[in-house]
Amino acid sequence: MYRGAALLVVFALVGCGDAGATDTAAEATESGDGDGDGDGDGDGDGDGDGDGDGDGDGDGDGDGDGDGDGDGDGDGDGDETGDPEDCSTNPIPWCDETSTPAPNGIPEAPAGLGGCPPGMTAVEDFCIDRWEAALVEILPNDALAAWSPYASPGDATVRAVSAPDLMPQGYISQQRAAAACQQAGKRLCTDAEWLRACRGSQTTTYPFGNQASPGTCNDARTCHPAIQYFETAANWIWSELDHPCLNQLPSGLAQTGGHPGCVSEDGAFDMMGNLHEWTADPAGTFRGGFYVDTVVNGPGCTYVTTAHTIAYFDYSTGFRCCAD
């Protein structure tokens, strides 16, 4: 049972925290994962490492150091300066207990670019999805059904779809992401392919160039969704990162292509921010950061997380596919 049920707002969601047969949801004792969970890795968790956690290190945490944390120092954090992302003042929206939203319907991918399949663009000798993947379910009779981007696919048979104006799929492990790409006649991108697509032919730091520009991509949420939703920064919340309501908070997960300036030279959107994106690395790697952090594990395209198994998932893990 989610501990959020004991708070002022009670939530009991269909399908939440479903890890499937092999997936591992919201591990609480990783290291160096950049997810903001309480693990001692510089991620926004409360561990004393200079990361945005509440430890007194000057990082964006609520410690009184002038960093963007909620400490009364005039930095954009929820003190007297009135930062809109302050966890203490943002109202918690109601999250439907009786249904799992499936806002994408059954989308179709637009025509591809450069001779690539629908929804993809050409990058050197391979194709990559232009948008972070959404999912559709393949039923036993081969009919398609809408799938919620807020629910782990578990053992369901799902297909990846790349299209604009969709809520991309979080809550997915590398294993399930690879299977969804395969159902679409694609595959997960290699690390090298993902980096080439994000950084372009000029090997830029960000998809849009070498100059940082907070907010160009979906990377500017200063309030961690778990802290906001559960109304606490207690350690137990970091084991609840598979909660479906986390990606339904305002100013959080954005629709695919919703930040038009966040585009690579080849036309791939949201490779920085929005959701972490799994690659095919068998050791377990996701890249690009997400809507709370695109800095801790490297800026922009260089952001890389390697602390999890391929079965891990949480609200922040997404993907896109590649093809030959």
C-alpha atoms as a PDB file:
ATOM      1  CA  MET A   1       0.000   0.000   0.000  1.00  0.00           C
ATOM      2  CA  TYR A   2       1.274   3.456  -0.834  1.00  0.00           C
ATOM      3  CA  ARG A   3       1.984   5.580   2.192  1.00  0.00           C
ATOM      4  CA  GLY A   4       0.388   8.483   0.381  1.00  0.00           C
ATOM      5  CA  ALA A   5      -2.906   6.944   1.472  1.00  0.00           C
ATOM      6  CA  ALA A   6      -2.280   8.260   4.954  1.00  0.00           C
ATOM      7  CA  LEU A   7      -1.980  11.856   3.799  1.00  0.00           C
ATOM      8  CA  LEU A   8      -4.627  14.518   3.381  1.00  0.00           C
ATOM      9  CA  VAL A   9      -5.296  13.349  -0.125  1.00  0.00           C
ATOM     10  CA  VAL A  10      -5.866   9.603  -0.395  1.00  0.00           C
ATOM     11  CA  PHE A  11      -4.908   7.739  -3.535  1.00  0.00           C
ATOM     12  CA  ALA A  12      -5.410   4.108  -4.490  1.00  0.00           C
ATOM     13  CA  LEU A  13      -4.631   3.646  -8.162  1.00  0.00           C
ATOM     14  CA  VAL A  14      -5.349   0.866 -10.590  1.00  0.00           C
ATOM     15  CA  GLY A  15      -2.133  -0.715 -11.787  1.00  0.00           C
ATOM     16  CA  CYS A  16       0.204   1.391  -9.696  1.00  0.00           C
ATOM     17  CA  GLY A  17       3.500  -0.151  -8.785  1.00  0.00           C
ATOM     18  CA  ASP A  18       2.944  -3.198 -10.975  1.00  0.00           C
ATOM     19  CA  ALA A  19       6.465  -4.436 -11.523  1.00  0.00           C
ATOM     20  CA  GLY A  20       5.491  -7.375 -13.710  1.00  0.00           C
ATOM     21  CA  ALA A  21       7.199 -10.750 -13.494  1.00  0.00           C
ATOM     22  CA  THR A  22      10.767  -9.518 -13.502  1.00  0.00           C
ATOM     23  CA  ASP A  23      10.763  -5.742 -13.265  1.00  0.00           C
ATOM     24  CA  THR A  24      11.987  -4.083 -10.084  1.00  0.00           C
ATOM     25  CA  ALA A  25      10.211  -0.875  -9.162  1.00  0.00           C
ATOM     26  CA  ALA A  26      11.709   2.056  -7.304  1.00  0.00           C
ATOM     27  CA  GLU A  27      14.749   0.522  -5.666  1.00  0.00           C
ATOM     28  CA  ALA A  28      15.656   2.566  -2.610  1.00  0.00           C
ATOM     29  CA  THR A  29      19.329   1.776  -2.144  1.00  0.00           C
ATOM     30  CA  GLU A  30      21.072   2.458  -5.439  1.00  0.00           C
ATOM     31  CA  SER A  31      24.072   4.683  -5.985  1.00  0.00           C
ATOM     32  CA  GLY A  32      24.842   7.381  -8.504  1.00  0.00           C
ATOM     33  CA  ASP A  33      21.453   7.250 -10.138  1.00  0.00           C
ATOM     34  CA  GLY A  34      20.424  10.880 -10.493  1.00  0.00           C
ATOM     35  CA  ASP A  35      16.816  10.238  -9.709  1.00  0.00           C
ATOM     36  CA  GLY A  36      16.337  12.070  -6.447  1.00  0.00           C
ATOM     37  CA  ASP A  37      15.748   9.181  -4.211  1.00  0.00           C
ATOM     38  CA  GLY A  38      17.806   9.116  -1.102  1.00  0.00           C
ATOM     39  CA  ASP A  39      20.811   7.101  -2.073  1.00  0.00           C
ATOM     40  CA  GLY A  40      23.850   9.274  -1.534  1.00  0.00           C
ATOM     41  CA  ASP A  41      24.595  10.004  -5.111  1.00  0.00           C
ATOM     42  CA  GLY A  42      24.046  13.688  -5.763  1.00  0.00           C
ATOM     43  CA  ASP A  43      20.550  13.542  -6.981  1.00  0.00           C
ATOM     44  CA  GLY A  44      18.182  15.562  -4.866  1.00  0.00           C
ATOM     45  CA  ASP A  45      17.514  13.195  -2.077  1.00  0.00           C
ATOM     46  CA  GLY A  46      18.611  14.220   1.356  1.00  0.00           C
ATOM     47  CA  ASP A  47      21.992  12.623   1.636  1.00  0.00           C
ATOM     48  CA  GLY A  48      24.498  15.406   2.196  1.00  0.00           C
ATOM     49  CA  ASP A  49      26.257  15.355  -1.113  1.00  0.00           C
ATOM     50  CA  GLY A  50      25.518  18.684  -2.736  1.00  0.00           C
ATOM     51  CA  ASP A  51      22.669  17.734  -4.907  1.00  0.00           C
ATOM     52  CA  GLY A  52      19.346  19.294  -4.060  1.00  0.00           C
ATOM     53  CA  ASP A  53      18.307  17.375  -1.045  1.00  0.00           C
ATOM     54  CA  GLY A  54      18.105  19.195   2.218  1.00  0.00           C
ATOM     55  CA  ASP A  55      21.566  18.727   3.568  1.00  0.00           C
ATOM     56  CA  GLY A  56      23.124  22.160   3.883  1.00  0.00           C
ATOM     57  CA  ASP A  57      25.483  22.048   0.969  1.00  0.00           C
ATOM     58  CA  GLY A  58      24.310  24.741  -1.408  1.00  0.00           C
ATOM     59  CA  ASP A  59      22.464  22.744  -3.929  1.00  0.00           C
ATOM     60  CA  GLY A  60      18.735  23.339  -4.097  1.00  0.00           C
ATOM     61  CA  ASP A  61      17.422  21.559  -1.101  1.00  0.00           C
ATOM     62  CA  GLY A  62      16.074  23.624   1.725  1.00  0.00           C
ATOM     63  CA  ASP A  63      19.168  24.316   3.701  1.00  0.00           C
ATOM     64  CA  GLY A  64      19.659  28.063   3.772  1.00  0.00           C
ATOM     65  CA  ASP A  65      22.428  28.395   1.262  1.00  0.00           C
ATOM     66  CA  GLY A  66      20.972  30.352  -1.622  1.00  0.00           C
ATOM     67  CA  ASP A  67      20.405  27.709  -4.172  1.00  0.00           C
ATOM     68  CA  GLY A  68      16.776  27.132  -5.101  1.00  0.00           C
ATOM     69  CA  ASP A  69      15.458  25.107  -2.281  1.00  0.00           C
ATOM     70  CA  GLY A  70      12.941  26.702  -0.010  1.00  0.00           C
ATOM     71  CA  ASP A  71      15.204  28.304   2.504  1.00  0.00           C
ATOM     72  CA  GLY A  72      14.433  32.002   2.507  1.00  0.00           C
ATOM     73  CA  ASP A  73      17.396  33.208   0.537  1.00  0.00           C
ATOM     74  CA  GLY A  74      15.850  34.653  -2.597  1.00  0.00           C
ATOM     75  CA  ASP A  75      16.814  32.067  -5.118  1.00  0.00           C
ATOM     76  CA  GLY A  76      13.638  30.763  -6.688  1.00  0.00           C
ATOM     77  CA  ASP A  77      12.601  28.159  -4.263  1.00  0.00           C
ATOM     78  CA  GLY A  78       9.482  28.860  -2.316  1.00  0.00           C
ATOM     79  CA  ASP A  79      10.668  31.407   0.170  1.00  0.00           C
ATOM     80  CA  GLU A  80       9.725  35.061   0.204  1.00  0.00           C
ATOM     81  CA  THR A  81      10.569  35.253  -3.492  1.00  0.00           C
ATOM     82  CA  GLY A  82       7.454  33.307  -4.428  1.00  0.00           C
ATOM     83  CA  ASP A  83       8.875  30.635  -6.716  1.00  0.00           C
ATOM     84  CA  PRO A  84       5.882  28.800  -8.261  1.00  0.00           C
ATOM     85  CA  GLU A  85       7.546  25.392  -7.924  1.00  0.00           C
ATOM     86  CA  ASP A  86       7.855  25.493  -4.144  1.00  0.00           C
ATOM     87  CA  CYS A  87       6.814  22.110  -2.731  1.00  0.00           C
ATOM     88  CA  SER A  88       5.323  23.693   0.380  1.00  0.00           C
ATOM     89  CA  THR A  89       2.881  25.965  -1.440  1.00  0.00           C
ATOM     90  CA  ASN A  90       1.844  23.992  -4.520  1.00  0.00           C
ATOM     91  CA  PRO A  91      -1.579  22.391  -4.014  1.00  0.00           C
ATOM     92  CA  ILE A  92      -1.648  18.644  -4.618  1.00  0.00           C
ATOM     93  CA  PRO A  93      -4.136  17.819  -7.380  1.00  0.00           C
ATOM     94  CA  TRP A  94      -6.589  15.021  -6.971  1.00  0.00           C
ATOM     95  CA  CYS A  95      -5.516  11.800  -8.704  1.00  0.00           C
ATOM     96  CA  ASP A  96      -8.290   9.498  -9.878  1.00  0.00           C
ATOM     97  CA  GLU A  97      -8.459   6.386  -7.696  1.00  0.00           C
ATOM     98  CA  THR A  98     -10.862   4.488  -9.891  1.00  0.00           C
ATOM     99  CA  SER A  99      -9.204   4.569 -13.309  1.00  0.00           C
ATOM    100  CA  THR A 100      -5.819   4.766 -14.971  1.00  0.00           C
ATOM    101  CA  PRO A 101      -5.866   7.622 -17.507  1.00  0.00           C
ATOM    102  CA  ALA A 102      -5.010   6.685 -21.079  1.00  0.00           C
ATOM    103  CA  PRO A 103      -4.947  10.097 -22.787  1.00  0.00           C
ATOM    104  CA  ASN A 104      -3.108   8.981 -25.917  1.00  0.00           C
ATOM    105  CA  GLY A 105      -5.798   6.760 -27.383  1.00  0.00           C
ATOM    106  CA  ILE A 106      -4.393   4.682 -30.249  1.00  0.00           C
ATOM    107  CA  PRO A 107      -1.978   7.053 -31.981  1.00  0.00           C
ATOM    108  CA  GLU A 108      -0.446   6.739 -35.424  1.00  0.00           C
ATOM    109  CA  ALA A 109       3.077   7.836 -36.236  1.00  0.00           C
ATOM    110  CA  PRO A 110       3.558  10.502 -38.928  1.00  0.00           C
ATOM    111  CA  ALA A 111       5.700   9.935 -41.996  1.00  0.00           C
ATOM    112  CA  GLY A 112       9.381   9.441 -41.316  1.00  0.00           C
ATOM    113  CA  LEU A 113      12.198  11.726 -42.451  1.00  0.00           C
ATOM    114  CA  GLY A 114      15.145  10.803 -44.653  1.00  0.00           C
ATOM    115  CA  GLY A 115      13.670   7.532 -45.819  1.00  0.00           C
ATOM    116  CA  CYS A 116      13.083   6.243 -42.277  1.00  0.00           C
ATOM    117  CA  PRO A 117       9.969   4.413 -41.017  1.00  0.00           C
ATOM    118  CA  PRO A 118       7.039   6.454 -39.638  1.00  0.00           C
ATOM    119  CA  GLY A 119       7.862   8.615 -36.640  1.00  0.00           C
ATOM    120  CA  MET A 120      11.630   8.381 -37.201  1.00  0.00           C
ATOM    121  CA  THR A 121      14.429  10.534 -38.613  1.00  0.00           C
ATOM    122  CA  ALA A 122      17.704   9.631 -40.292  1.00  0.00           C
ATOM    123  CA  VAL A 123      20.987  10.071 -38.402  1.00  0.00           C
ATOM    124  CA  GLU A 124      23.995   8.949 -40.423  1.00  0.00           C
ATOM    125  CA  ASP A 125      23.401   5.231 -41.131  1.00  0.00           C
ATOM    126  CA  PHE A 126      20.528   4.600 -38.709  1.00  0.00           C
ATOM    127  CA  CYS A 127      17.068   5.901 -37.872  1.00  0.00           C
ATOM    128  CA  ILE A 128      15.876   7.129 -34.482  1.00  0.00           C
ATOM    129  CA  ASP A 129      12.426   7.976 -33.141  1.00  0.00           C
ATOM    130  CA  ARG A 130      11.747  11.698 -33.323  1.00  0.00           C
ATOM    131  CA  TRP A 131       9.722  11.589 -30.106  1.00  0.00           C
ATOM    132  CA  GLU A 132       9.905   9.689 -26.837  1.00  0.00           C
ATOM    133  CA  ALA A 133       7.866   6.520 -27.076  1.00  0.00           C
ATOM    134  CA  ALA A 134       4.259   6.067 -26.083  1.00  0.00           C
ATOM    135  CA  LEU A 135       2.677   2.603 -25.956  1.00  0.00           C
ATOM    136  CA  VAL A 136      -0.320   0.806 -27.370  1.00  0.00           C
ATOM    137  CA  GLU A 137      -1.377  -2.619 -26.137  1.00  0.00           C
ATOM    138  CA  ILE A 138      -1.616  -5.576 -28.515  1.00  0.00           C
ATOM    139  CA  LEU A 139      -4.543  -7.751 -27.443  1.00  0.00           C
ATOM    140  CA  PRO A 140      -4.672 -11.549 -27.921  1.00  0.00           C
ATOM    141  CA  ASN A 141      -6.801 -11.082 -31.066  1.00  0.00           C
ATOM    142  CA  ASP A 142      -4.168  -8.652 -32.439  1.00  0.00           C
ATOM    143  CA  ALA A 143      -6.453  -5.666 -31.946  1.00  0.00           C
ATOM    144  CA  LEU A 144      -4.876  -2.545 -30.472  1.00  0.00           C
ATOM    145  CA  ALA A 145      -5.938  -0.888 -27.231  1.00  0.00           C
ATOM    146  CA  ALA A 146      -4.961   2.350 -25.527  1.00  0.00           C
ATOM    147  CA  TRP A 147      -2.319   2.077 -22.812  1.00  0.00           C
ATOM    148  CA  SER A 148      -1.807   4.434 -19.898  1.00  0.00           C
ATOM    149  CA  PRO A 149       1.558   6.239 -19.830  1.00  0.00           C
ATOM    150  CA  TYR A 150       1.264   6.197 -16.033  1.00  0.00           C
ATOM    151  CA  ALA A 151       1.195   2.395 -15.677  1.00  0.00           C
ATOM    152  CA  SER A 152       4.043  -0.070 -15.949  1.00  0.00           C
ATOM    153  CA  PRO A 153       3.419  -2.470 -18.853  1.00  0.00           C
ATOM    154  CA  GLY A 154       4.319  -5.445 -16.679  1.00  0.00           C
ATOM    155  CA  ASP A 155       3.666  -8.587 -18.729  1.00  0.00           C
ATOM    156  CA  ALA A 156       1.340  -6.893 -21.232  1.00  0.00           C
ATOM    157  CA  THR A 157       2.269  -7.048 -24.910  1.00  0.00           C
ATOM    158  CA  VAL A 158       2.837  -3.461 -25.957  1.00  0.00           C
ATOM    159  CA  ARG A 159       4.164  -1.650 -29.016  1.00  0.00           C
ATOM    160  CA  ALA A 160       6.185   1.557 -29.086  1.00  0.00           C
ATOM    161  CA  VAL A 161       4.766   4.513 -31.020  1.00  0.00           C
ATOM    162  CA  SER A 162       6.682   7.700 -31.904  1.00  0.00           C
ATOM    163  CA  ALA A 163       4.386  10.665 -32.523  1.00  0.00           C
ATOM    164  CA  PRO A 164       3.949  14.275 -31.359  1.00  0.00           C
ATOM    165  CA  ASP A 165       1.514  15.536 -28.719  1.00  0.00           C
ATOM    166  CA  LEU A 166       1.405  12.322 -26.687  1.00  0.00           C
ATOM    167  CA  MET A 167       2.193  11.703 -23.033  1.00  0.00           C
ATOM    168  CA  PRO A 168       5.340   9.568 -23.243  1.00  0.00           C
ATOM    169  CA  GLN A 169       5.640   6.296 -21.378  1.00  0.00           C
ATOM    170  CA  GLY A 170       7.378   6.369 -18.013  1.00  0.00           C
ATOM    171  CA  TYR A 171       7.390   3.490 -15.522  1.00  0.00           C
ATOM    172  CA  ILE A 172       9.199   1.180 -17.926  1.00  0.00           C
ATOM    173  CA  SER A 173      12.265  -1.023 -17.561  1.00  0.00           C
ATOM    174  CA  GLN A 174      14.915  -1.555 -20.203  1.00  0.00           C
ATOM    175  CA  GLN A 175      13.567  -5.079 -20.698  1.00  0.00           C
ATOM    176  CA  ARG A 176      10.035  -3.874 -21.445  1.00  0.00           C
ATOM    177  CA  ALA A 177      11.296  -0.984 -23.556  1.00  0.00           C
ATOM    178  CA  ALA A 178      13.331  -3.358 -25.723  1.00  0.00           C
ATOM    179  CA  ALA A 179      10.303  -5.615 -26.170  1.00  0.00           C
ATOM    180  CA  ALA A 180       8.087  -2.656 -27.121  1.00  0.00           C
ATOM    181  CA  CYS A 181      10.619  -1.541 -29.737  1.00  0.00           C
ATOM    182  CA  GLN A 182      10.789  -5.082 -31.110  1.00  0.00           C
ATOM    183  CA  GLN A 183       6.994  -5.188 -31.467  1.00  0.00           C
ATOM    184  CA  ALA A 184       7.315  -2.042 -33.605  1.00  0.00           C
ATOM    185  CA  GLY A 185       9.990  -3.599 -35.831  1.00  0.00           C
ATOM    186  CA  LYS A 186      12.688  -1.527 -34.150  1.00  0.00           C
ATOM    187  CA  ARG A 187      15.230  -1.882 -31.343  1.00  0.00           C
ATOM    188  CA  LEU A 188      16.655   0.130 -28.485  1.00  0.00           C
ATOM    189  CA  CYS A 189      19.387   2.557 -29.509  1.00  0.00           C
ATOM    190  CA  THR A 190      22.979   1.815 -28.634  1.00  0.00           C
ATOM    191  CA  ASP A 191      24.749   4.297 -26.393  1.00  0.00           C
ATOM    192  CA  ALA A 192      26.760   5.569 -29.353  1.00  0.00           C
ATOM    193  CA  GLU A 193      23.659   6.039 -31.512  1.00  0.00           C
ATOM    194  CA  TRP A 194      21.782   7.848 -28.780  1.00  0.00           C
ATOM    195  CA  LEU A 195      24.678  10.228 -28.143  1.00  0.00           C
ATOM    196  CA  ARG A 196      25.192  10.920 -31.846  1.00  0.00           C
ATOM    197  CA  ALA A 197      21.508  11.715 -32.303  1.00  0.00           C
ATOM    198  CA  CYS A 198      21.418  14.034 -29.285  1.00  0.00           C
ATOM    199  CA  ARG A 199      24.712  15.859 -29.849  1.00  0.00           C
ATOM    200  CA  GLY A 200      24.590  16.095 -33.636  1.00  0.00           C
ATOM    201  CA  SER A 201      27.436  16.258 -36.113  1.00  0.00           C
ATOM    202  CA  GLN A 202      29.107  19.051 -34.116  1.00  0.00           C
ATOM    203  CA  THR A 203      29.090  17.057 -30.841  1.00  0.00           C
ATOM    204  CA  THR A 204      27.285  19.776 -28.904  1.00  0.00           C
ATOM    205  CA  THR A 205      26.567  19.538 -25.190  1.00  0.00           C
ATOM    206  CA  TYR A 206      22.833  20.096 -25.644  1.00  0.00           C
ATOM    207  CA  PRO A 207      20.524  19.060 -28.486  1.00  0.00           C
ATOM    208  CA  PHE A 208      20.179  22.734 -29.434  1.00  0.00           C
ATOM    209  CA  GLY A 209      23.844  23.785 -29.082  1.00  0.00           C
ATOM    210  CA  ASN A 210      26.552  24.409 -26.502  1.00  0.00           C
ATOM    211  CA  GLN A 211      24.906  27.168 -24.451  1.00  0.00           C
ATOM    212  CA  ALA A 212      22.762  26.081 -21.501  1.00  0.00           C
ATOM    213  CA  SER A 213      19.181  27.339 -21.704  1.00  0.00           C
ATOM    214  CA  PRO A 214      17.014  26.154 -18.779  1.00  0.00           C
ATOM    215  CA  GLY A 215      13.414  25.701 -19.865  1.00  0.00           C
ATOM    216  CA  THR A 216      14.193  25.202 -23.558  1.00  0.00           C
ATOM    217  CA  CYS A 217      13.762  21.524 -22.772  1.00  0.00           C
ATOM    218  CA  ASN A 218      11.488  20.187 -20.045  1.00  0.00           C
ATOM    219  CA  ASP A 219      14.126  20.421 -17.329  1.00  0.00           C
ATOM    220  CA  ALA A 220      13.114  23.286 -15.066  1.00  0.00           C
ATOM    221  CA  ARG A 221      10.860  21.751 -12.384  1.00  0.00           C
ATOM    222  CA  THR A 222      12.463  22.691  -9.068  1.00  0.00           C
ATOM    223  CA  CYS A 223      10.121  20.732  -6.808  1.00  0.00           C
ATOM    224  CA  HIS A 224      10.688  16.969  -6.777  1.00  0.00           C
ATOM    225  CA  PRO A 225       7.324  15.319  -7.570  1.00  0.00           C
ATOM    226  CA  ALA A 226       7.662  12.697  -4.835  1.00  0.00           C
ATOM    227  CA  ILE A 227       8.287  15.358  -2.192  1.00  0.00           C
ATOM    228  CA  GLN A 228       5.325  17.363  -3.453  1.00  0.00           C
ATOM    229  CA  TYR A 229       2.943  14.429  -3.781  1.00  0.00           C
ATOM    230  CA  PHE A 230       3.736  12.714  -0.489  1.00  0.00           C
ATOM    231  CA  GLU A 231       4.184  16.045   1.335  1.00  0.00           C
ATOM    232  CA  THR A 232       7.399  14.908   2.968  1.00  0.00           C
ATOM    233  CA  ALA A 233      11.065  14.284   2.223  1.00  0.00           C
ATOM    234  CA  ALA A 234      11.201  11.250   4.536  1.00  0.00           C
ATOM    235  CA  ASN A 235      13.346   8.385   3.293  1.00  0.00           C
ATOM    236  CA  TRP A 236      10.395   6.055   2.679  1.00  0.00           C
ATOM    237  CA  ILE A 237       9.167   8.053  -0.314  1.00  0.00           C
ATOM    238  CA  TRP A 238      12.187   6.978  -2.374  1.00  0.00           C
ATOM    239  CA  SER A 239      10.804   3.438  -2.446  1.00  0.00           C
ATOM    240  CA  GLU A 240       7.548   4.767  -3.924  1.00  0.00           C
ATOM    241  CA  LEU A 241       8.943   6.170  -7.180  1.00  0.00           C
ATOM    242  CA  ASP A 242       6.715   3.850  -9.216  1.00  0.00           C
ATOM    243  CA  HIS A 243       3.595   5.708  -8.020  1.00  0.00           C
ATOM    244  CA  PRO A 244       1.405   6.555 -11.040  1.00  0.00           C
ATOM    245  CA  CYS A 245       0.405   9.956  -9.695  1.00  0.00           C
ATOM    246  CA  LEU A 246       3.952  11.321  -9.809  1.00  0.00           C
ATOM    247  CA  ASN A 247       3.823  11.972 -13.552  1.00  0.00           C
ATOM    248  CA  GLN A 248       0.340  13.459 -13.333  1.00  0.00           C
ATOM    249  CA  LEU A 249       1.339  16.513 -11.291  1.00  0.00           C
ATOM    250  CA  PRO A 250       1.212  19.922 -13.014  1.00  0.00           C
ATOM    251  CA  SER A 251       4.414  21.273 -14.554  1.00  0.00           C
ATOM    252  CA  GLY A 252       5.897  17.794 -14.687  1.00  0.00           C
ATOM    253  CA  LEU A 253       5.880  15.344 -17.563  1.00  0.00           C
ATOM    254  CA  ALA A 254       5.173  17.104 -20.866  1.00  0.00           C
ATOM    255  CA  GLN A 255       3.701  15.916 -24.130  1.00  0.00           C
ATOM    256  CA  THR A 256       6.117  14.763 -26.797  1.00  0.00           C
ATOM    257  CA  GLY A 257       7.401  17.721 -28.778  1.00  0.00           C
ATOM    258  CA  GLY A 258       5.870  20.105 -26.256  1.00  0.00           C
ATOM    259  CA  HIS A 259       9.128  22.083 -26.067  1.00  0.00           C
ATOM    260  CA  PRO A 260       9.755  22.959 -29.728  1.00  0.00           C
ATOM    261  CA  GLY A 261      13.217  24.388 -29.034  1.00  0.00           C
ATOM    262  CA  CYS A 262      14.363  21.093 -27.543  1.00  0.00           C
ATOM    263  CA  VAL A 263      15.221  19.476 -30.854  1.00  0.00           C
ATOM    264  CA  SER A 264      18.390  18.016 -32.319  1.00  0.00           C
ATOM    265  CA  GLU A 265      19.854  18.984 -35.679  1.00  0.00           C
ATOM    266  CA  ASP A 266      18.247  15.866 -37.169  1.00  0.00           C
ATOM    267  CA  GLY A 267      14.784  16.616 -35.791  1.00  0.00           C
ATOM    268  CA  ALA A 268      14.613  14.448 -32.654  1.00  0.00           C
ATOM    269  CA  PHE A 269      12.725  16.098 -29.775  1.00  0.00           C
ATOM    270  CA  ASP A 270      13.155  15.905 -25.994  1.00  0.00           C
ATOM    271  CA  MET A 271      16.447  14.014 -25.920  1.00  0.00           C
ATOM    272  CA  MET A 272      17.287  16.177 -22.918  1.00  0.00           C
ATOM    273  CA  GLY A 273      14.826  16.322 -20.028  1.00  0.00           C
ATOM    274  CA  ASN A 274      11.226  15.115 -19.867  1.00  0.00           C
ATOM    275  CA  LEU A 275      12.090  11.419 -19.290  1.00  0.00           C
ATOM    276  CA  HIS A 276      15.290   9.471 -18.860  1.00  0.00           C
ATOM    277  CA  GLU A 277      15.774   7.263 -21.939  1.00  0.00           C
ATOM    278  CA  TRP A 278      16.987   3.685 -21.796  1.00  0.00           C
ATOM    279  CA  THR A 279      19.682   2.555 -24.220  1.00  0.00           C
ATOM    280  CA  ALA A 280      20.591  -1.013 -25.174  1.00  0.00           C
ATOM    281  CA  ASP A 281      23.578  -1.155 -22.817  1.00  0.00           C
ATOM    282  CA  PRO A 282      23.298  -4.590 -21.122  1.00  0.00           C
ATOM    283  CA  ALA A 283      24.691  -3.109 -17.911  1.00  0.00           C
ATOM    284  CA  GLY A 284      21.641  -0.830 -17.653  1.00  0.00           C
ATOM    285  CA  THR A 285      22.017   2.766 -18.822  1.00  0.00           C
ATOM    286  CA  PHE A 286      19.589   5.611 -19.312  1.00  0.00           C
ATOM    287  CA  ARG A 287      20.472   9.027 -20.682  1.00  0.00           C
ATOM    288  CA  GLY A 288      19.424  12.652 -21.041  1.00  0.00           C
ATOM    289  CA  GLY A 289      18.054  13.424 -17.593  1.00  0.00           C
ATOM    290  CA  PHE A 290      14.406  14.150 -16.846  1.00  0.00           C
ATOM    291  CA  TYR A 291      12.135  17.037 -16.006  1.00  0.00           C
ATOM    292  CA  VAL A 292      13.662  17.647 -12.566  1.00  0.00           C
ATOM    293  CA  ASP A 293      17.356  17.158 -13.336  1.00  0.00           C
ATOM    294  CA  THR A 294      19.563  17.369 -16.423  1.00  0.00           C
ATOM    295  CA  VAL A 295      22.772  18.345 -14.627  1.00  0.00           C
ATOM    296  CA  VAL A 296      23.778  16.054 -11.745  1.00  0.00           C
ATOM    297  CA  ASN A 297      25.074  13.165 -13.871  1.00  0.00           C
ATOM    298  CA  GLY A 298      26.412  15.383 -16.657  1.00  0.00           C
ATOM    299  CA  PRO A 299      24.931  18.347 -18.553  1.00  0.00           C
ATOM    300  CA  GLY A 300      22.408  17.832 -21.328  1.00  0.00           C
ATOM    301  CA  CYS A 301      23.218  15.058 -23.779  1.00  0.00           C
ATOM    302  CA  THR A 302      26.106  13.847 -21.613  1.00  0.00           C
ATOM    303  CA  TYR A 303      23.815  13.025 -18.683  1.00  0.00           C
ATOM    304  CA  VAL A 304      24.112   9.296 -17.983  1.00  0.00           C
ATOM    305  CA  THR A 305      22.793   7.023 -15.230  1.00  0.00           C
ATOM    306  CA  THR A 306      24.309   3.569 -14.748  1.00  0.00           C
ATOM    307  CA  ALA A 307      23.236   2.568 -11.232  1.00  0.00           C
ATOM    308  CA  HIS A 308      20.294   0.299 -12.049  1.00  0.00           C
ATOM    309  CA  THR A 309      19.615  -3.151 -13.428  1.00  0.00           C
ATOM    310  CA  ILE A 310      17.759  -3.572 -16.714  1.00  0.00           C
ATOM    311  CA  ALA A 311      14.675  -4.606 -14.714  1.00  0.00           C
ATOM    312  CA  TYR A 312      14.459  -1.288 -12.861  1.00  0.00           C
ATOM    313  CA  PHE A 313      11.785   1.292 -13.537  1.00  0.00           C
ATOM    314  CA  ASP A 314      10.275   4.354 -11.949  1.00  0.00           C
ATOM    315  CA  TYR A 315       8.174   7.342 -12.997  1.00  0.00           C
ATOM    316  CA  SER A 316      11.146   8.990 -14.734  1.00  0.00           C
ATOM    317  CA  THR A 317      12.301   6.138 -17.004  1.00  0.00           C
ATOM    318  CA  GLY A 318      11.252   6.257 -20.652  1.00  0.00           C
ATOM    319  CA  PHE A 319      12.776   5.384 -24.015  1.00  0.00           C
ATOM    320  CA  ARG A 320      12.826   5.816 -27.762  1.00  0.00           C
ATOM    321  CA  CYS A 321      13.692   3.295 -30.470  1.00  0.00           C
ATOM    322  CA  CYS A 322      16.224   3.044 -33.283  1.00  0.00           C
ATOM    323  CA  ALA A 323      16.229   1.064 -36.530  1.00  0.00           C
ATOM    324  CA  ASP A 324      18.760   0.108 -39.182  1.00  0.00           C
END
